[in-house]
Amino acid sequence: MSHCFSLNYTIIIMGPIYGTQQAYLAYQFAEALLKTSHHLKHIFFYAEGVYNANQYSAPANDEFNLREAWGTLASQYDISLDVCVSAGLRRGIIREDELNTIDSHFNASGLTSLAEAIANSDRVIQF
């Protein structure tokens, strides 16, 4: 007798949008995970990972647009894309004068949000 159960996942992305494979591998993992019975409700962008939220990142026309892909995935599956405020401030993605460069699919958030997501998850995967 097989048991089918689903787990709740949170993904933490530490890698920048381009220049390493971390963010793209996280996207592929999330996409594959969502095709199973498991749940993914939070993706947290931390450290260099906050660059994934920069609305001004613009890959060449023949390259995969990871920022847009994150937005589409979040809209399609009701996933919260949280960007660490402190890491965003350090990297110029978030500004205190509200002239943020965060894409509209992403939310400025804090470590409290991450802690809550982790507390409600069965698995946390970091890329």
Foldseek 3Di string as FASTA:
>chain_A
DDDDDEWEEEEEEAAAPDDDCRLVVVLVVVVVNVVGPYHYAEYEYDANSLNLFQQPDDDPPPDDNSNVSVLVSCVVRVHAYEYEQVNCCVVVQQDPVRPHRGDPRHHHDHVVVVVVSVVRGPYYHYD
